[in-house]
Amino acid sequence: MGILAGYYGRRVDSLISSIMQILVNLPIFFLMIILSFIIHFEILSISLIIGLLNWAGMARLVRGQVQNIRNKEYIEAAQAVGSGSFRIMLRHIAPNVFPSILVMMGFDAGAAIITEAALSYLQFGVQIPVPSWGTLIAGSESGTPSLSGVAADWLFWPQLYVWLSPFCPFTLLLMDYVMLLMSNKKSRRKCSDLG
């Protein structure tokens, strides 16, 4: 949606941007609580609903990048040789936007995990037979025994695991960035040794 809004602009951009603005302004957590009275949440349904309600932030990021990219020389060259809009979006714009999408997906995954855990903790998400971090935390606070027969609150503060989970994708991205920097330094050193 962000690629369409950024590439076509004008009416398509204003329509998609208004939809994105509505979704950004909705209180998604409270909307999920209201939806829990209508829909019986299972893992698949709660994942789909969280995904359908949280796409606007990523679409806004992609839209801004596409607006910057669509005026580049190689896009004008592709239009000059007769490439269609779909081909330009697929071949030239999407590969340039994809790294930002991957980074945003890492942060959105952590937010989705916390949203699901909070809903399950408040008993609005998946229910007790289905394992979820929220139900496990709720069970640990009530002293409900876990599968091994030992009280779950014996574990090192189960709430901590939920709040640390968004840092896992961030840590992987940081490690990837450090390795990329190290490989660039090594390749620069090899080039300077050759000259």
C-alpha atoms as a PDB file:
ATOM      1  CA  MET A   1       0.000   0.000   0.000  1.00  0.00           C
ATOM      2  CA  GLY A   2       2.849   2.364   0.787  1.00  0.00           C
ATOM      3  CA  ILE A   3       4.477   1.684  -2.592  1.00  0.00           C
ATOM      4  CA  LEU A   4       1.200   2.423  -4.391  1.00  0.00           C
ATOM      5  CA  ALA A   5       0.616   5.622  -2.413  1.00  0.00           C
ATOM      6  CA  GLY A   6       4.161   6.879  -2.911  1.00  0.00           C
ATOM      7  CA  TYR A   7       4.447   5.999  -6.594  1.00  0.00           C
ATOM      8  CA  TYR A   8       1.100   7.182  -7.947  1.00  0.00           C
ATOM      9  CA  GLY A   9       0.595  10.165  -5.644  1.00  0.00           C
ATOM     10  CA  ARG A  10      -2.421  12.498  -5.950  1.00  0.00           C
ATOM     11  CA  ARG A  11      -5.771  10.739  -5.453  1.00  0.00           C
ATOM     12  CA  VAL A  12      -4.341   7.291  -4.719  1.00  0.00           C
ATOM     13  CA  ASP A  13      -1.950   8.811  -2.190  1.00  0.00           C
ATOM     14  CA  SER A  14      -4.651  10.861  -0.481  1.00  0.00           C
ATOM     15  CA  LEU A  15      -7.009   7.845  -0.273  1.00  0.00           C
ATOM     16  CA  ILE A  16      -4.395   5.463   1.132  1.00  0.00           C
ATOM     17  CA  SER A  17      -2.952   8.156   3.421  1.00  0.00           C
ATOM     18  CA  SER A  18      -6.374   8.862   4.903  1.00  0.00           C
ATOM     19  CA  ILE A  19      -6.881   5.139   5.587  1.00  0.00           C
ATOM     20  CA  MET A  20      -3.431   4.993   7.189  1.00  0.00           C
ATOM     21  CA  GLN A  21      -4.198   8.048   9.319  1.00  0.00           C
ATOM     22  CA  ILE A  22      -7.428   6.482  10.574  1.00  0.00           C
ATOM     23  CA  LEU A  23      -5.601   3.272  11.519  1.00  0.00           C
ATOM     24  CA  VAL A  24      -2.785   5.180  13.235  1.00  0.00           C
ATOM     25  CA  ASN A  25      -5.277   7.173  15.301  1.00  0.00           C
ATOM     26  CA  LEU A  26      -7.276   4.130  16.445  1.00  0.00           C
ATOM     27  CA  PRO A  27      -6.421   2.831  19.912  1.00  0.00           C
ATOM     28  CA  ILE A  28      -5.567  -0.660  18.715  1.00  0.00           C
ATOM     29  CA  PHE A  29      -5.282  -2.257  22.146  1.00  0.00           C
ATOM     30  CA  PHE A  30      -8.763  -1.159  23.170  1.00  0.00           C
ATOM     31  CA  LEU A  31     -10.111  -2.138  19.764  1.00  0.00           C
ATOM     32  CA  MET A  32      -8.644  -5.608  20.294  1.00  0.00           C
ATOM     33  CA  ILE A  33     -10.386  -5.832  23.675  1.00  0.00           C
ATOM     34  CA  ILE A  34     -13.705  -4.934  22.026  1.00  0.00           C
ATOM     35  CA  LEU A  35     -13.072  -7.467  19.249  1.00  0.00           C
ATOM     36  CA  SER A  36     -12.415 -10.167  21.846  1.00  0.00           C
ATOM     37  CA  PHE A  37     -16.105 -10.017  22.784  1.00  0.00           C
ATOM     38  CA  ILE A  38     -17.092 -10.609  19.152  1.00  0.00           C
ATOM     39  CA  ILE A  39     -14.391 -13.029  17.968  1.00  0.00           C
ATOM     40  CA  HIS A  40     -13.047 -16.017  19.897  1.00  0.00           C
ATOM     41  CA  PHE A  41      -9.300 -15.415  19.734  1.00  0.00           C
ATOM     42  CA  GLU A  42      -7.004 -18.236  18.772  1.00  0.00           C
ATOM     43  CA  ILE A  43      -3.336 -17.848  17.893  1.00  0.00           C
ATOM     44  CA  LEU A  44      -4.017 -17.518  14.157  1.00  0.00           C
ATOM     45  CA  SER A  45      -6.928 -15.101  14.467  1.00  0.00           C
ATOM     46  CA  ILE A  46      -5.207 -12.821  16.988  1.00  0.00           C
ATOM     47  CA  SER A  47      -2.051 -12.764  14.826  1.00  0.00           C
ATOM     48  CA  LEU A  48      -4.027 -11.840  11.714  1.00  0.00           C
ATOM     49  CA  ILE A  49      -5.974  -9.097  13.483  1.00  0.00           C
ATOM     50  CA  ILE A  50      -2.823  -7.582  15.016  1.00  0.00           C
ATOM     51  CA  GLY A  51      -1.202  -7.646  11.572  1.00  0.00           C
ATOM     52  CA  LEU A  52      -4.228  -6.100   9.847  1.00  0.00           C
ATOM     53  CA  LEU A  53      -4.428  -3.284  12.376  1.00  0.00           C
ATOM     54  CA  ASN A  54      -0.691  -2.490  12.500  1.00  0.00           C
ATOM     55  CA  TRP A  55       0.279  -2.135   8.832  1.00  0.00           C
ATOM     56  CA  ALA A  56      -0.166   1.628   8.675  1.00  0.00           C
ATOM     57  CA  GLY A  57       3.145   2.567  10.313  1.00  0.00           C
ATOM     58  CA  MET A  58       5.156   0.481   7.881  1.00  0.00           C
ATOM     59  CA  ALA A  59       3.119   1.772   4.933  1.00  0.00           C
ATOM     60  CA  ARG A  60       3.845   5.373   5.964  1.00  0.00           C
ATOM     61  CA  LEU A  61       7.576   4.642   6.088  1.00  0.00           C
ATOM     62  CA  VAL A  62       7.515   2.933   2.680  1.00  0.00           C
ATOM     63  CA  ARG A  63       5.420   5.756   1.195  1.00  0.00           C
ATOM     64  CA  GLY A  64       7.989   8.347   2.230  1.00  0.00           C
ATOM     65  CA  GLN A  65      10.862   6.360   0.788  1.00  0.00           C
ATOM     66  CA  VAL A  66       9.043   5.709  -2.483  1.00  0.00           C
ATOM     67  CA  GLN A  67       8.311   9.419  -2.865  1.00  0.00           C
ATOM     68  CA  ASN A  68      12.045  10.032  -2.558  1.00  0.00           C
ATOM     69  CA  ILE A  69      13.008   7.218  -4.941  1.00  0.00           C
ATOM     70  CA  ARG A  70      10.444   7.873  -7.715  1.00  0.00           C
ATOM     71  CA  ASN A  71      12.267  11.035  -8.843  1.00  0.00           C
ATOM     72  CA  LYS A  72      15.660   9.344  -9.277  1.00  0.00           C
ATOM     73  CA  GLU A  73      17.335   9.114 -12.666  1.00  0.00           C
ATOM     74  CA  TYR A  74      17.090   5.328 -13.025  1.00  0.00           C
ATOM     75  CA  ILE A  75      13.295   5.482 -12.534  1.00  0.00           C
ATOM     76  CA  GLU A  76      13.036   8.144 -15.231  1.00  0.00           C
ATOM     77  CA  ALA A  77      15.248   6.000 -17.475  1.00  0.00           C
ATOM     78  CA  ALA A  78      12.995   2.974 -16.921  1.00  0.00           C
ATOM     79  CA  GLN A  79       9.959   5.088 -17.816  1.00  0.00           C
ATOM     80  CA  ALA A  80      11.737   6.386 -20.906  1.00  0.00           C
ATOM     81  CA  VAL A  81      12.390   2.886 -22.264  1.00  0.00           C
ATOM     82  CA  GLY A  82       8.699   2.045 -21.804  1.00  0.00           C
ATOM     83  CA  SER A  83       8.623   0.019 -18.582  1.00  0.00           C
ATOM     84  CA  GLY A  84       5.178  -0.142 -17.037  1.00  0.00           C
ATOM     85  CA  SER A  85       4.341   1.118 -13.557  1.00  0.00           C
ATOM     86  CA  PHE A  86       4.064  -2.384 -12.086  1.00  0.00           C
ATOM     87  CA  ARG A  87       7.456  -3.397 -13.474  1.00  0.00           C
ATOM     88  CA  ILE A  88       9.080  -0.221 -12.135  1.00  0.00           C
ATOM     89  CA  MET A  89       7.569  -0.764  -8.695  1.00  0.00           C
ATOM     90  CA  LEU A  90       8.582  -4.430  -8.635  1.00  0.00           C
ATOM     91  CA  ARG A  91      12.048  -4.214 -10.203  1.00  0.00           C
ATOM     92  CA  HIS A  92      13.363  -0.813  -9.182  1.00  0.00           C
ATOM     93  CA  ILE A  93      11.495   0.530  -6.166  1.00  0.00           C
ATOM     94  CA  ALA A  94      10.740  -2.563  -4.062  1.00  0.00           C
ATOM     95  CA  PRO A  95      14.385  -3.740  -3.776  1.00  0.00           C
ATOM     96  CA  ASN A  96      15.392  -0.282  -2.517  1.00  0.00           C
ATOM     97  CA  VAL A  97      12.632  -0.221   0.082  1.00  0.00           C
ATOM     98  CA  PHE A  98      13.017  -3.841   1.231  1.00  0.00           C
ATOM     99  CA  PRO A  99      15.823  -3.265   3.811  1.00  0.00           C
ATOM    100  CA  SER A 100      13.704  -0.702   5.638  1.00  0.00           C
ATOM    101  CA  ILE A 101      10.771  -3.106   5.610  1.00  0.00           C
ATOM    102  CA  LEU A 102      12.943  -5.793   7.232  1.00  0.00           C
ATOM    103  CA  VAL A 103      14.072  -3.443   9.989  1.00  0.00           C
ATOM    104  CA  MET A 104      10.515  -2.276  10.646  1.00  0.00           C
ATOM    105  CA  MET A 105       9.298  -5.894  10.707  1.00  0.00           C
ATOM    106  CA  GLY A 106      11.737  -6.629  13.524  1.00  0.00           C
ATOM    107  CA  PHE A 107      10.348  -3.822  15.657  1.00  0.00           C
ATOM    108  CA  ASP A 108       6.736  -4.626  14.741  1.00  0.00           C
ATOM    109  CA  ALA A 109       7.230  -8.270  15.699  1.00  0.00           C
ATOM    110  CA  GLY A 110       8.269  -7.240  19.207  1.00  0.00           C
ATOM    111  CA  ALA A 111       5.277  -4.924  19.528  1.00  0.00           C
ATOM    112  CA  ALA A 112       2.945  -7.692  18.311  1.00  0.00           C
ATOM    113  CA  ILE A 113       4.349 -10.113  20.897  1.00  0.00           C
ATOM    114  CA  ILE A 114       3.786  -7.617  23.696  1.00  0.00           C
ATOM    115  CA  THR A 115       0.255  -6.837  22.448  1.00  0.00           C
ATOM    116  CA  GLU A 116      -0.698 -10.521  22.365  1.00  0.00           C
ATOM    117  CA  ALA A 117       0.860 -11.165  25.764  1.00  0.00           C
ATOM    118  CA  ALA A 118      -0.941  -8.192  27.311  1.00  0.00           C
ATOM    119  CA  LEU A 119      -4.284  -9.301  25.873  1.00  0.00           C
ATOM    120  CA  SER A 120      -3.775 -12.861  27.098  1.00  0.00           C
ATOM    121  CA  TYR A 121      -2.662 -11.618  30.520  1.00  0.00           C
ATOM    122  CA  LEU A 122      -5.889  -9.640  30.858  1.00  0.00           C
ATOM    123  CA  GLN A 123      -7.867 -12.728  29.711  1.00  0.00           C
ATOM    124  CA  PHE A 124      -8.950 -11.076  26.435  1.00  0.00           C
ATOM    125  CA  GLY A 125      -6.548 -13.020  24.216  1.00  0.00           C
ATOM    126  CA  VAL A 126      -6.008 -16.753  23.874  1.00  0.00           C
ATOM    127  CA  GLN A 127      -7.387 -18.778  26.751  1.00  0.00           C
ATOM    128  CA  ILE A 128      -5.684 -21.070  29.256  1.00  0.00           C
ATOM    129  CA  PRO A 129      -5.186 -24.371  27.393  1.00  0.00           C
ATOM    130  CA  VAL A 130      -3.244 -22.543  24.677  1.00  0.00           C
ATOM    131  CA  PRO A 131       0.257 -21.572  25.809  1.00  0.00           C
ATOM    132  CA  SER A 132       0.938 -17.853  25.627  1.00  0.00           C
ATOM    133  CA  TRP A 133       3.266 -15.584  27.552  1.00  0.00           C
ATOM    134  CA  GLY A 134       0.317 -13.628  28.891  1.00  0.00           C
ATOM    135  CA  THR A 135      -1.475 -16.722  30.195  1.00  0.00           C
ATOM    136  CA  LEU A 136       1.776 -18.045  31.681  1.00  0.00           C
ATOM    137  CA  ILE A 137       2.363 -14.771  33.521  1.00  0.00           C
ATOM    138  CA  ALA A 138      -1.219 -14.691  34.747  1.00  0.00           C
ATOM    139  CA  GLY A 139      -0.816 -18.272  35.957  1.00  0.00           C
ATOM    140  CA  SER A 140       2.463 -17.478  37.701  1.00  0.00           C
ATOM    141  CA  GLU A 141       0.902 -14.653  39.678  1.00  0.00           C
ATOM    142  CA  SER A 142      -1.952 -16.812  40.876  1.00  0.00           C
ATOM    143  CA  GLY A 143       0.427 -19.579  41.912  1.00  0.00           C
ATOM    144  CA  THR A 144      -0.920 -22.035  39.351  1.00  0.00           C
ATOM    145  CA  PRO A 145       1.515 -24.891  38.943  1.00  0.00           C
ATOM    146  CA  SER A 146       3.236 -25.164  35.598  1.00  0.00           C
ATOM    147  CA  LEU A 147       3.609 -28.315  33.499  1.00  0.00           C
ATOM    148  CA  SER A 148       6.495 -29.610  35.608  1.00  0.00           C
ATOM    149  CA  GLY A 149       4.535 -29.205  38.849  1.00  0.00           C
ATOM    150  CA  VAL A 150       6.724 -26.333  40.092  1.00  0.00           C
ATOM    151  CA  ALA A 151       5.084 -22.949  40.535  1.00  0.00           C
ATOM    152  CA  ALA A 152       5.820 -20.728  37.560  1.00  0.00           C
ATOM    153  CA  ASP A 153       6.700 -17.762  39.769  1.00  0.00           C
ATOM    154  CA  TRP A 154       9.790 -19.713  40.817  1.00  0.00           C
ATOM    155  CA  LEU A 155      11.242 -18.767  37.440  1.00  0.00           C
ATOM    156  CA  PHE A 156      13.212 -15.556  37.239  1.00  0.00           C
ATOM    157  CA  TRP A 157      10.324 -13.040  36.958  1.00  0.00           C
ATOM    158  CA  PRO A 158       8.342 -14.297  33.935  1.00  0.00           C
ATOM    159  CA  GLN A 159       7.196 -10.751  33.150  1.00  0.00           C
ATOM    160  CA  LEU A 160      10.799  -9.874  32.330  1.00  0.00           C
ATOM    161  CA  TYR A 161      10.830 -12.283  29.368  1.00  0.00           C
ATOM    162  CA  VAL A 162       7.898 -10.517  27.718  1.00  0.00           C
ATOM    163  CA  TRP A 163       9.443  -7.073  28.034  1.00  0.00           C
ATOM    164  CA  LEU A 164      12.862  -8.224  26.834  1.00  0.00           C
ATOM    165  CA  SER A 165      11.502  -9.941  23.699  1.00  0.00           C
ATOM    166  CA  PRO A 166      11.473  -6.825  21.479  1.00  0.00           C
ATOM    167  CA  PHE A 167      15.203  -6.451  22.058  1.00  0.00           C
ATOM    168  CA  CYS A 168      15.969  -9.809  20.408  1.00  0.00           C
ATOM    169  CA  PRO A 169      15.338  -8.598  16.827  1.00  0.00           C
ATOM    170  CA  PHE A 170      17.095  -5.331  17.631  1.00  0.00           C
ATOM    171  CA  THR A 171      20.132  -7.246  18.911  1.00  0.00           C
ATOM    172  CA  LEU A 172      20.247  -9.344  15.734  1.00  0.00           C
ATOM    173  CA  LEU A 173      20.063  -6.218  13.581  1.00  0.00           C
ATOM    174  CA  LEU A 174      22.830  -4.595  15.600  1.00  0.00           C
ATOM    175  CA  MET A 175      25.045  -7.683  15.255  1.00  0.00           C
ATOM    176  CA  ASP A 176      24.371  -7.727  11.500  1.00  0.00           C
ATOM    177  CA  TYR A 177      25.337  -4.057  11.236  1.00  0.00           C
ATOM    178  CA  VAL A 178      28.574  -4.613  13.182  1.00  0.00           C
ATOM    179  CA  MET A 179      29.516  -7.567  10.963  1.00  0.00           C
ATOM    180  CA  LEU A 180      28.788  -5.481   7.866  1.00  0.00           C
ATOM    181  CA  LEU A 181      31.042  -2.708   9.148  1.00  0.00           C
ATOM    182  CA  MET A 182      33.793  -5.198   9.935  1.00  0.00           C
ATOM    183  CA  SER A 183      33.598  -6.755   6.464  1.00  0.00           C
ATOM    184  CA  ASN A 184      33.755  -3.295   4.855  1.00  0.00           C
ATOM    185  CA  LYS A 185      36.883  -2.464   6.863  1.00  0.00           C
ATOM    186  CA  LYS A 186      38.509  -5.761   5.804  1.00  0.00           C
ATOM    187  CA  SER A 187      37.695  -5.181   2.133  1.00  0.00           C
ATOM    188  CA  ARG A 188      39.034  -1.618   2.325  1.00  0.00           C
ATOM    189  CA  ARG A 189      42.242  -2.918   3.910  1.00  0.00           C
ATOM    190  CA  LYS A 190      42.652  -5.506   1.135  1.00  0.00           C
ATOM    191  CA  CYS A 191      42.151  -2.807  -1.510  1.00  0.00           C
ATOM    192  CA  SER A 192      44.713  -0.546   0.145  1.00  0.00           C
ATOM    193  CA  ASP A 193      47.192  -3.445   0.385  1.00  0.00           C
ATOM    194  CA  LEU A 194      46.846  -4.064  -3.361  1.00  0.00           C
ATOM    195  CA  GLY A 195      47.538  -0.395  -4.250  1.00  0.00           C
END
